[in-house]
Amino acid sequence: MHYAVVHFGTDRKDMSQTAKNSIRLNPYHPSTVFRVNLYDLPPKTTYYYKVESVDSTGRTDGVTSPIKKFTTPDRGE
């Protein structure tokens, strides 16, 4: 079993929050799509994140994405 782990936070130097979801690796595909849900994030907030895959023991495969960012939408409140 492998997991997609997202490390995220509002400061690119402190991405200490994490979320994970299981993934299925396919050795016949050159890439893997990682999908992880993040719930209850405040609106209009910018987050920085990076993604890695780990095995069932928590050991990383050594590949981590570059740091990216997203901003949560305004909920219209």
N, C-alpha and C. Protein backbone atom coordinates (compact mmCIF):
# COMPACT_ATOMS: atom_id res chain seq x y z
N MET A 1 0.85 -1.18 0.00
CA MET A 1 0.00 0.00 0.00
C MET A 1 0.89 1.24 0.00
N HIS A 2 0.53 2.20 -0.83
CA HIS A 2 1.22 3.48 -0.88
C HIS A 2 0.22 4.59 -0.58
N TYR A 3 0.76 5.69 -0.10
CA TYR A 3 -0.07 6.84 0.24
C TYR A 3 0.49 8.10 -0.38
N ALA A 4 -0.40 8.99 -0.80
CA ALA A 4 -0.04 10.35 -1.18
C ALA A 4 -0.11 11.17 0.10
N VAL A 5 0.95 11.87 0.41
CA VAL A 5 0.99 12.72 1.60
C VAL A 5 1.20 14.15 1.16
N VAL A 6 0.30 15.03 1.58
CA VAL A 6 0.42 16.45 1.29
C VAL A 6 0.87 17.15 2.56
N HIS A 7 1.96 17.89 2.47
CA HIS A 7 2.44 18.73 3.56
C HIS A 7 2.04 20.15 3.19
N PHE A 8 1.31 20.84 4.06
CA PHE A 8 0.84 22.16 3.69
C PHE A 8 0.80 23.11 4.88
N GLY A 9 0.73 24.40 4.58
CA GLY A 9 0.63 25.43 5.61
C GLY A 9 0.55 26.79 4.95
N THR A 10 0.29 27.81 5.75
CA THR A 10 0.16 29.16 5.22
C THR A 10 1.52 29.86 5.06
N ASP A 11 2.57 29.22 5.53
CA ASP A 11 3.93 29.74 5.39
C ASP A 11 4.76 28.69 4.66
N ARG A 12 5.39 29.05 3.57
CA ARG A 12 6.14 28.06 2.79
C ARG A 12 7.30 27.45 3.57
N LYS A 13 7.70 28.08 4.68
CA LYS A 13 8.76 27.53 5.53
C LYS A 13 8.20 26.68 6.66
N ASP A 14 6.88 26.60 6.77
CA ASP A 14 6.25 25.78 7.82
C ASP A 14 5.03 25.07 7.24
N MET A 15 5.26 23.99 6.55
CA MET A 15 4.18 23.18 5.99
C MET A 15 4.01 21.94 6.88
N SER A 16 3.67 22.19 8.15
CA SER A 16 3.63 21.12 9.14
C SER A 16 2.28 20.39 9.19
N GLN A 17 1.27 20.92 8.52
CA GLN A 17 0.00 20.21 8.45
C GLN A 17 0.10 19.13 7.38
N THR A 18 -0.55 17.99 7.60
CA THR A 18 -0.49 16.91 6.61
C THR A 18 -1.87 16.31 6.39
N ALA A 19 -2.03 15.75 5.22
CA ALA A 19 -3.22 14.97 4.87
C ALA A 19 -2.73 13.85 3.97
N LYS A 20 -3.39 12.69 4.03
CA LYS A 20 -2.95 11.59 3.17
C LYS A 20 -4.13 10.79 2.66
N ASN A 21 -3.89 10.09 1.57
CA ASN A 21 -4.88 9.22 0.97
C ASN A 21 -4.13 8.09 0.28
N SER A 22 -4.74 6.93 0.26
CA SER A 22 -4.08 5.80 -0.41
C SER A 22 -4.06 6.02 -1.92
N ILE A 23 -3.02 5.50 -2.56
CA ILE A 23 -2.88 5.59 -4.00
C ILE A 23 -2.54 4.20 -4.53
N ARG A 24 -2.79 4.01 -5.78
CA ARG A 24 -2.44 2.75 -6.43
C ARG A 24 -1.38 3.03 -7.48
N LEU A 25 -0.20 2.50 -7.26
CA LEU A 25 0.88 2.70 -8.21
C LEU A 25 0.73 1.71 -9.36
N ASN A 26 0.90 2.20 -10.58
CA ASN A 26 0.83 1.35 -11.76
C ASN A 26 2.17 1.41 -12.47
N PRO A 27 2.93 0.32 -12.45
CA PRO A 27 4.25 0.36 -13.05
C PRO A 27 4.24 0.57 -14.57
N TYR A 28 3.07 0.47 -15.19
CA TYR A 28 2.96 0.64 -16.64
C TYR A 28 2.64 2.08 -17.03
N HIS A 29 2.43 2.96 -16.04
CA HIS A 29 2.17 4.37 -16.31
C HIS A 29 3.37 5.20 -15.87
N PRO A 30 3.75 6.21 -16.64
CA PRO A 30 4.92 7.01 -16.29
C PRO A 30 4.66 7.99 -15.15
N SER A 31 3.40 8.18 -14.75
CA SER A 31 3.10 9.12 -13.67
C SER A 31 1.92 8.60 -12.86
N THR A 32 1.72 9.21 -11.71
CA THR A 32 0.63 8.84 -10.81
C THR A 32 -0.13 10.09 -10.42
N VAL A 33 -1.46 10.03 -10.41
CA VAL A 33 -2.29 11.14 -9.97
C VAL A 33 -2.54 10.98 -8.48
N PHE A 34 -2.25 12.02 -7.72
CA PHE A 34 -2.47 12.02 -6.28
C PHE A 34 -3.70 12.87 -5.98
N ARG A 35 -4.62 12.31 -5.23
CA ARG A 35 -5.82 13.06 -4.82
C ARG A 35 -5.95 12.98 -3.31
N VAL A 36 -5.95 14.15 -2.69
CA VAL A 36 -6.09 14.22 -1.24
C VAL A 36 -7.07 15.36 -0.95
N ASN A 37 -8.05 15.09 -0.11
CA ASN A 37 -9.03 16.11 0.27
C ASN A 37 -8.56 16.87 1.50
N LEU A 38 -8.73 18.19 1.47
CA LEU A 38 -8.43 19.05 2.61
C LEU A 38 -9.74 19.71 3.01
N TYR A 39 -10.17 19.48 4.24
CA TYR A 39 -11.47 19.97 4.69
C TYR A 39 -11.34 21.13 5.67
N ASP A 40 -12.40 21.94 5.70
CA ASP A 40 -12.55 23.02 6.69
C ASP A 40 -11.43 24.05 6.67
N LEU A 41 -10.94 24.36 5.48
CA LEU A 41 -9.93 25.42 5.37
C LEU A 41 -10.64 26.76 5.30
N PRO A 42 -10.12 27.78 5.97
CA PRO A 42 -10.78 29.09 5.95
C PRO A 42 -10.75 29.71 4.55
N PRO A 43 -11.76 30.52 4.22
CA PRO A 43 -11.81 31.14 2.89
C PRO A 43 -10.72 32.20 2.73
N LYS A 44 -10.41 32.45 1.46
CA LYS A 44 -9.45 33.50 1.07
C LYS A 44 -8.12 33.38 1.79
N THR A 45 -7.63 32.15 1.90
CA THR A 45 -6.35 31.90 2.57
C THR A 45 -5.42 31.20 1.60
N THR A 46 -4.19 31.68 1.52
CA THR A 46 -3.21 31.07 0.64
C THR A 46 -2.43 30.01 1.41
N TYR A 47 -2.32 28.85 0.78
CA TYR A 47 -1.57 27.73 1.35
C TYR A 47 -0.45 27.33 0.41
N TYR A 48 0.64 26.91 0.99
CA TYR A 48 1.76 26.33 0.26
C TYR A 48 1.73 24.83 0.52
N TYR A 49 2.14 24.04 -0.48
CA TYR A 49 2.09 22.60 -0.29
C TYR A 49 3.14 21.88 -1.14
N LYS A 50 3.45 20.68 -0.70
CA LYS A 50 4.28 19.76 -1.49
C LYS A 50 3.71 18.36 -1.26
N VAL A 51 3.96 17.48 -2.21
CA VAL A 51 3.39 16.13 -2.17
C VAL A 51 4.51 15.10 -2.27
N GLU A 52 4.36 14.03 -1.53
CA GLU A 52 5.29 12.90 -1.65
C GLU A 52 4.50 11.61 -1.53
N SER A 53 5.10 10.51 -1.94
CA SER A 53 4.46 9.22 -1.73
C SER A 53 5.27 8.44 -0.70
N VAL A 54 4.55 7.71 0.14
CA VAL A 54 5.19 6.91 1.17
C VAL A 54 4.59 5.51 1.16
N ASP A 55 5.34 4.54 1.67
CA ASP A 55 4.80 3.19 1.75
C ASP A 55 4.05 3.01 3.07
N SER A 56 3.55 1.83 3.33
CA SER A 56 2.71 1.59 4.51
C SER A 56 3.45 1.78 5.83
N THR A 57 4.78 1.76 5.80
CA THR A 57 5.55 2.00 7.02
C THR A 57 5.87 3.47 7.21
N GLY A 58 5.49 4.32 6.23
CA GLY A 58 5.78 5.75 6.30
C GLY A 58 7.09 6.14 5.65
N ARG A 59 7.76 5.18 5.02
CA ARG A 59 9.03 5.46 4.35
C ARG A 59 8.78 6.10 2.99
N THR A 60 9.40 7.24 2.76
CA THR A 60 9.23 7.95 1.49
C THR A 60 9.97 7.24 0.37
N ASP A 61 9.51 7.43 -0.84
CA ASP A 61 10.22 6.85 -1.99
C ASP A 61 11.31 7.81 -2.49
N GLY A 62 11.46 8.94 -1.81
CA GLY A 62 12.54 9.88 -2.14
C GLY A 62 12.18 10.94 -3.15
N VAL A 63 10.96 10.90 -3.66
CA VAL A 63 10.54 11.89 -4.65
C VAL A 63 9.50 12.81 -4.02
N THR A 64 9.77 14.10 -4.04
CA THR A 64 8.85 15.10 -3.50
C THR A 64 8.61 16.15 -4.57
N SER A 65 7.38 16.61 -4.66
CA SER A 65 7.04 17.63 -5.66
C SER A 65 7.68 18.96 -5.28
N PRO A 66 7.76 19.87 -6.25
CA PRO A 66 8.15 21.24 -5.91
C PRO A 66 7.07 21.87 -5.04
N ILE A 67 7.41 22.91 -4.33
CA ILE A 67 6.42 23.63 -3.52
C ILE A 67 5.53 24.43 -4.47
N LYS A 68 4.23 24.28 -4.28
CA LYS A 68 3.22 25.00 -5.06
C LYS A 68 2.34 25.76 -4.08
N LYS A 69 1.38 26.53 -4.60
CA LYS A 69 0.46 27.23 -3.70
C LYS A 69 -0.94 27.28 -4.31
N PHE A 70 -1.92 27.46 -3.44
CA PHE A 70 -3.31 27.66 -3.85
C PHE A 70 -3.97 28.60 -2.85
N THR A 71 -5.05 29.23 -3.27
CA THR A 71 -5.82 30.09 -2.39
C THR A 71 -7.25 29.54 -2.33
N THR A 72 -7.77 29.39 -1.13
CA THR A 72 -9.13 28.89 -0.98
C THR A 72 -10.11 29.96 -1.45
N PRO A 73 -11.24 29.53 -2.02
CA PRO A 73 -12.20 30.50 -2.56
C PRO A 73 -12.95 31.23 -1.47
N ASP A 74 -13.49 32.39 -1.84
CA ASP A 74 -14.37 33.15 -0.96
C ASP A 74 -15.70 32.42 -0.91
N ARG A 75 -16.21 32.15 0.24
CA ARG A 75 -17.48 31.43 0.38
C ARG A 75 -18.70 32.33 0.19
N GLY A 76 -18.45 33.61 -0.05
CA GLY A 76 -19.57 34.53 -0.28
C GLY A 76 -20.26 34.95 1.01
N GLU A 77 -19.60 34.80 2.11
CA GLU A 77 -20.22 35.16 3.40
C GLU A 77 -19.89 36.59 3.77
